[in-house]
Amino acid sequence: MRERDRQRIWAANLDAARSRAKGRRIPKSLAVPNPTLGELTQAAAQLGLNPQPVEAALPQTHRVRSGYIAIPKQPRKTQTLRKLAQTIAQTRAQARK
């Protein structure tokens, strides 16, 4: 049963390699290449969103099991996606140093 008080944020929503038709929800300039469920969960936790990771396949690409996180509903989902992508990019930059 779907939870009405939570939003689903799919890893595909932040993937720079995907087109908007294939599930990307933010501009390509802000998206990150191949985000993982672990990175998404970590970024959401850093932002204080209380994520619940779920291994699943995006219905549009049912053969690839990328997963999603369930977070409490936010007023603007696009703003949340932008913050998550920015946090993942910063985490990756720090890991390279």
Protein backbone atom coordinates (compact mmCIF):
# COMPACT_ATOMS: atom_id res chain seq x y z
CA MET A 1 0.00 0.00 0.00
CA ARG A 2 1.34 3.41 -0.93
CA GLU A 3 2.12 5.82 1.85
CA ARG A 4 0.38 9.15 1.25
CA ASP A 5 2.55 11.15 3.65
CA ARG A 6 5.87 10.23 1.98
CA GLN A 7 7.51 11.03 -1.37
CA ARG A 8 9.55 8.66 -3.48
CA ILE A 9 12.86 9.95 -4.77
CA TRP A 10 14.25 7.58 -7.40
CA ALA A 11 17.97 7.46 -8.15
CA ALA A 12 17.00 7.89 -11.81
CA ASN A 13 15.53 11.33 -11.00
CA LEU A 14 19.08 12.62 -10.43
CA ASP A 15 20.95 10.67 -13.13
CA ALA A 16 22.74 12.91 -15.67
CA ALA A 17 22.91 10.03 -18.16
CA ARG A 18 19.12 9.86 -18.45
CA SER A 19 16.88 12.09 -20.50
CA ARG A 20 13.85 13.78 -18.99
CA ALA A 21 11.69 11.25 -20.84
CA LYS A 22 13.55 8.43 -19.09
CA GLY A 23 13.06 9.83 -15.59
CA ARG A 24 15.49 12.70 -14.91
CA ARG A 25 13.65 15.48 -13.04
CA ILE A 26 16.33 18.20 -12.77
CA PRO A 27 18.46 20.04 -15.34
CA LYS A 28 21.39 18.05 -16.71
CA SER A 29 23.81 20.70 -15.44
CA LEU A 30 22.71 19.92 -11.85
CA ALA A 31 22.33 16.15 -12.20
CA VAL A 32 25.02 13.66 -11.16
CA PRO A 33 26.18 10.67 -13.24
CA ASN A 34 25.00 7.27 -12.01
CA PRO A 35 23.86 8.05 -8.45
CA THR A 36 23.56 4.99 -6.23
CA LEU A 37 20.93 4.21 -3.64
CA GLY A 38 23.61 4.44 -0.95
CA GLU A 39 24.66 7.92 -2.05
CA LEU A 40 21.04 9.03 -2.23
CA THR A 41 20.35 7.71 1.28
CA GLN A 42 23.48 9.35 2.68
CA ALA A 43 22.67 12.72 1.05
CA ALA A 44 19.11 12.65 2.37
CA ALA A 45 20.35 11.83 5.86
CA GLN A 46 22.80 14.77 5.69
CA LEU A 47 19.87 17.03 4.81
CA GLY A 48 17.86 15.66 7.74
CA LEU A 49 15.13 14.07 5.62
CA ASN A 50 14.86 10.71 7.48
CA PRO A 51 15.16 8.48 4.36
CA GLN A 52 13.92 4.92 4.07
CA PRO A 53 15.83 3.16 1.23
CA VAL A 54 13.95 0.63 -0.90
CA GLU A 55 15.51 -1.66 -3.55
CA ALA A 56 13.14 -1.51 -6.51
CA ALA A 57 13.00 -0.92 -10.26
CA LEU A 58 11.69 2.28 -11.81
CA PRO A 59 8.57 1.25 -13.74
CA GLN A 60 9.88 2.85 -16.96
CA THR A 61 13.07 0.76 -16.81
CA HIS A 62 11.85 -2.35 -15.01
CA ARG A 63 15.00 -4.39 -15.74
CA VAL A 64 17.34 -2.04 -13.84
CA ARG A 65 16.92 -2.14 -10.07
CA SER A 66 18.24 1.25 -8.99
CA GLY A 67 15.99 1.85 -5.99
CA TYR A 68 14.41 4.84 -4.31
CA ILE A 69 14.19 6.52 -0.94
CA ALA A 70 10.95 7.38 0.81
CA ILE A 71 11.08 10.72 2.62
CA PRO A 72 8.42 12.83 4.36
CA LYS A 73 6.52 15.01 1.88
CA GLN A 74 8.28 18.26 1.06
CA PRO A 75 6.56 21.39 -0.27
CA ARG A 76 8.65 21.40 -3.47
CA LYS A 77 10.00 18.11 -4.74
CA THR A 78 12.19 19.73 -7.41
CA GLN A 79 13.97 21.85 -4.79
CA THR A 80 14.60 18.71 -2.73
CA LEU A 81 16.00 16.92 -5.80
CA ARG A 82 18.35 19.84 -6.50
CA LYS A 83 19.62 19.83 -2.90
CA LEU A 84 20.16 16.06 -3.00
CA ALA A 85 22.11 16.27 -6.27
CA GLN A 86 24.25 19.10 -4.89
CA THR A 87 24.99 17.11 -1.72
CA ILE A 88 25.95 14.00 -3.71
CA ALA A 89 28.26 16.07 -5.94
CA GLN A 90 29.94 17.63 -2.88
CA THR A 91 30.38 14.22 -1.24
CA ARG A 92 31.97 12.82 -4.40
CA ALA A 93 34.31 15.83 -4.65
CA GLN A 94 35.44 15.36 -1.05
CA ALA A 95 36.00 11.65 -1.60
CA ARG A 96 38.32 12.41 -4.56
CA LYS A 97 40.58 14.62 -2.42
